[in-house]
């Protein structure tokens, strides 16, 4: 059974439906004391980093997620959920994250867009370029499209970067550290390619 962590940020129903489509059992869970009972954990989300961390900290979910990570069982963060995995974010000031992967979340630097007619947020379909083979990419090509909606992106050591995307410049769009995965795009909104990622995560 997979826990979809409910911290009042984003459309959890679409994430739940995606797991249903691939035949995986999932449950939306908001009780920090119950997370340890699940086989895997997914941390989805849409919205502001600081608001998300405040809710996670106030409800005890933050500590529960950190303890879950130590267990060796798999976690996957998507969109805001991926960003929360890092040490910090500069969104609306300095905010501390879960610290499960070393790195920080920064705003897109429009000055690096080379006069391209690009807007922030980065919204729509874009290509993910895999950086190495990984079981999360089973039955997927080395390059494929996923759906993005975000104004901030992660900066981290390349050893954690398993996927990159270009929007004005190249940024990290998928990460892995041991039992922890993160995707900046929304797999649940990315049709067959996204469903394949969700199925692969369920089967790990």
Protein backbone atom coordinates (compact mmCIF):
# COMPACT_ATOMS: atom_id res chain seq x y z
CA UNK A 1 0.00 0.00 0.00
CA UNK A 2 1.28 3.44 -0.98
CA UNK A 3 0.62 6.51 1.17
CA UNK A 4 -0.19 9.75 -0.65
CA UNK A 5 0.78 12.34 1.95
CA UNK A 6 -2.00 14.85 2.52
CA UNK A 7 -0.67 18.22 3.71
CA UNK A 8 -3.38 20.38 2.13
CA UNK A 9 -1.31 21.31 -0.93
CA UNK A 10 -2.56 20.22 -4.34
CA UNK A 11 -5.01 17.90 -6.05
CA UNK A 12 -4.50 14.58 -4.32
CA UNK A 13 -7.40 13.03 -6.21
CA UNK A 14 -5.55 13.06 -9.52
CA UNK A 15 -2.53 11.38 -7.91
CA UNK A 16 -4.76 8.73 -6.36
CA UNK A 17 -6.49 8.12 -9.70
CA UNK A 18 -3.13 7.68 -11.43
CA UNK A 19 -2.15 4.88 -9.04
CA UNK A 20 -5.57 3.29 -9.58
CA UNK A 21 -5.02 3.37 -13.35
CA UNK A 22 -1.79 1.38 -13.07
CA UNK A 23 -3.36 -1.12 -10.66
CA UNK A 24 -1.49 0.04 -7.55
CA UNK A 25 -3.15 0.37 -4.17
CA UNK A 26 -2.84 3.82 -2.65
CA UNK A 27 -4.46 5.76 0.16
CA UNK A 28 -4.50 9.47 0.97
CA UNK A 29 -2.97 9.76 4.44
CA UNK A 30 -2.71 12.74 6.78
CA UNK A 31 -1.85 10.97 10.06
CA UNK A 32 1.91 11.12 10.71
CA UNK A 33 1.71 8.14 13.07
CA UNK A 34 0.44 5.89 10.27
CA UNK A 35 3.06 6.64 7.60
CA UNK A 36 5.42 3.96 8.91
CA UNK A 37 2.81 1.29 8.14
CA UNK A 38 2.92 1.90 4.37
CA UNK A 39 5.19 0.19 1.84
CA UNK A 40 5.94 3.39 -0.08
CA UNK A 41 5.26 7.08 0.25
CA UNK A 42 4.53 9.76 -2.33
CA UNK A 43 4.76 13.45 -1.52
CA UNK A 44 2.84 15.42 -4.17
CA UNK A 45 1.93 19.08 -4.02
CA UNK A 46 1.24 22.41 -5.66
CA UNK A 47 1.79 25.81 -4.07
CA UNK A 48 4.30 27.70 -1.95
CA UNK A 49 7.27 25.98 -0.31
CA UNK A 50 7.01 27.91 2.97
CA UNK A 51 3.31 27.19 3.43
CA UNK A 52 3.91 23.50 2.76
CA UNK A 53 6.76 23.21 5.28
CA UNK A 54 4.74 25.09 7.90
CA UNK A 55 1.92 22.57 7.57
CA UNK A 56 4.30 19.59 7.59
CA UNK A 57 6.05 20.90 10.71
CA UNK A 58 2.87 21.82 12.57
CA UNK A 59 1.23 18.44 11.98
CA UNK A 60 4.24 16.26 12.74
CA UNK A 61 4.37 15.02 9.16
CA UNK A 62 7.82 16.52 8.65
CA UNK A 63 9.43 14.33 11.34
CA UNK A 64 7.41 11.32 10.22
CA UNK A 65 8.65 11.68 6.63
CA UNK A 66 12.26 12.01 7.80
CA UNK A 67 11.92 8.87 9.91
CA UNK A 68 10.31 7.06 6.99
CA UNK A 69 13.28 7.97 4.80
CA UNK A 70 15.66 6.37 7.34
CA UNK A 71 13.72 3.10 7.08
CA UNK A 72 14.98 2.52 3.55
CA UNK A 73 11.49 2.30 2.09
CA UNK A 74 10.89 4.31 -1.07
CA UNK A 75 9.72 7.92 -1.20
CA UNK A 76 8.88 9.95 -4.31
CA UNK A 77 8.23 13.68 -4.32
CA UNK A 78 6.56 15.36 -7.29
CA UNK A 79 6.48 19.05 -8.23
CA UNK A 80 6.42 20.95 -4.91
CA UNK A 81 6.91 17.57 -3.22
CA UNK A 82 10.28 17.18 -4.96
CA UNK A 83 11.36 20.66 -3.92
CA UNK A 84 10.54 19.91 -0.28
CA UNK A 85 13.12 17.10 -0.31
CA UNK A 86 15.97 19.62 -0.42
CA UNK A 87 17.65 21.67 2.30
CA UNK A 88 16.09 25.02 1.51
CA UNK A 89 14.14 27.25 -0.87
CA UNK A 90 14.37 30.96 -1.62
CA UNK A 91 10.67 31.19 -2.52
CA UNK A 92 9.17 34.19 -0.63
CA UNK A 93 12.26 34.37 1.58
CA UNK A 94 14.52 31.73 3.10
CA UNK A 95 12.72 28.50 4.00
CA UNK A 96 14.12 25.28 5.43
CA UNK A 97 13.14 22.04 3.71
CA UNK A 98 13.16 18.38 4.74
CA UNK A 99 16.89 18.06 4.03
CA UNK A 100 16.66 14.55 2.58
CA UNK A 101 18.77 15.53 -0.46
CA UNK A 102 21.52 18.16 -0.34
CA UNK A 103 20.57 21.10 -2.51
CA UNK A 104 18.46 24.22 -2.70
CA UNK A 105 15.47 25.54 -4.65
CA UNK A 106 15.89 28.81 -6.55
CA UNK A 107 13.84 30.97 -8.91
CA UNK A 108 14.33 30.77 -12.65
CA UNK A 109 16.94 33.35 -13.64
CA UNK A 110 15.29 35.23 -16.49
CA UNK A 111 18.62 36.96 -17.21
CA UNK A 112 19.90 33.59 -18.45
CA UNK A 113 17.07 33.18 -20.97
CA UNK A 114 19.16 34.87 -23.70
CA UNK A 115 16.33 37.13 -24.88
CA UNK A 116 14.14 34.09 -25.59
CA UNK A 117 10.43 34.80 -25.38
CA UNK A 118 9.91 32.61 -22.32
CA UNK A 119 7.59 33.24 -19.43
CA UNK A 120 7.71 32.19 -15.80
CA UNK A 121 6.11 30.01 -14.57
CA UNK A 122 7.43 27.29 -16.83
CA UNK A 123 4.13 25.70 -17.84
CA UNK A 124 3.32 22.92 -20.28
CA UNK A 125 4.98 19.92 -21.90
CA UNK A 126 8.75 19.74 -21.96
CA UNK A 127 11.39 17.10 -22.46
CA UNK A 128 13.15 15.22 -19.69
CA UNK A 129 16.61 13.97 -20.63
CA UNK A 130 17.60 10.98 -18.50
CA UNK A 131 21.11 11.24 -17.10
CA UNK A 132 21.61 7.59 -16.24
CA UNK A 133 19.79 4.29 -16.27
CA UNK A 134 17.44 3.80 -13.35
CA UNK A 135 14.58 1.44 -12.51
CA UNK A 136 12.25 4.44 -12.26
CA UNK A 137 12.74 4.86 -16.05
CA UNK A 138 11.89 1.25 -16.96
CA UNK A 139 10.06 0.99 -20.31
CA UNK A 140 10.69 4.65 -21.10
CA UNK A 141 12.99 6.17 -23.77
CA UNK A 142 16.08 8.16 -22.83
CA UNK A 143 14.21 11.36 -23.69
CA UNK A 144 10.49 11.88 -23.18
CA UNK A 145 7.95 14.59 -22.46
CA UNK A 146 6.24 15.37 -19.15
CA UNK A 147 3.98 18.17 -17.93
CA UNK A 148 5.51 21.02 -15.89
CA UNK A 149 4.10 23.91 -13.84
CA UNK A 150 6.69 25.75 -11.69
CA UNK A 151 8.56 29.01 -11.14
CA UNK A 152 11.39 27.55 -9.03
CA UNK A 153 13.80 24.69 -9.64
CA UNK A 154 16.36 22.68 -7.71
CA UNK A 155 20.12 23.05 -7.73
CA UNK A 156 22.04 20.02 -6.49
CA UNK A 157 25.12 17.89 -7.10
CA UNK A 158 25.03 16.07 -10.43
CA UNK A 159 25.35 12.74 -8.61
CA UNK A 160 21.69 13.14 -7.58
CA UNK A 161 20.45 14.32 -10.99
CA UNK A 162 18.83 11.51 -12.96
CA UNK A 163 16.88 13.83 -15.27
CA UNK A 164 17.40 17.30 -16.70
CA UNK A 165 15.21 19.66 -18.74
CA UNK A 166 15.90 22.84 -20.69
CA UNK A 167 13.84 25.99 -20.24
CA UNK A 168 16.01 28.96 -21.08
CA UNK A 169 18.84 26.93 -19.57
CA UNK A 170 19.29 23.41 -18.29
CA UNK A 171 17.96 22.55 -14.84
CA UNK A 172 17.55 19.41 -12.75
CA UNK A 173 14.10 17.90 -13.24
CA UNK A 174 14.48 14.45 -11.61
CA UNK A 175 16.60 13.29 -8.70
CA UNK A 176 17.50 10.14 -6.80
CA UNK A 177 19.39 9.50 -3.58
CA UNK A 178 19.24 5.88 -2.46
CA UNK A 179 15.55 5.24 -1.63
CA UNK A 180 14.40 8.80 -2.40
CA UNK A 181 13.15 10.01 -5.79
CA UNK A 182 11.91 13.37 -6.96
CA UNK A 183 10.29 14.68 -10.16
CA UNK A 184 9.73 18.37 -10.84
CA UNK A 185 7.00 17.65 -13.44
CA UNK A 186 3.60 16.14 -12.64
CA UNK A 187 3.62 12.41 -13.58
CA UNK A 188 -0.12 12.22 -12.83
CA UNK A 189 -0.78 14.85 -15.51
CA UNK A 190 1.65 13.44 -18.07
CA UNK A 191 -0.44 10.75 -19.78
CA UNK A 192 1.30 7.47 -20.66
CA UNK A 193 4.83 8.57 -19.83
CA UNK A 194 3.81 9.83 -16.42
CA UNK A 195 1.74 6.76 -15.70
CA UNK A 196 4.77 4.63 -16.54
CA UNK A 197 6.80 6.48 -13.89
CA UNK A 198 4.02 5.93 -11.36
CA UNK A 199 3.80 2.25 -12.27
CA UNK A 200 7.58 1.88 -12.01
CA UNK A 201 7.57 3.51 -8.58
CA UNK A 202 4.80 1.19 -7.42
CA UNK A 203 6.82 -1.83 -8.57
CA UNK A 204 10.19 -0.88 -7.08
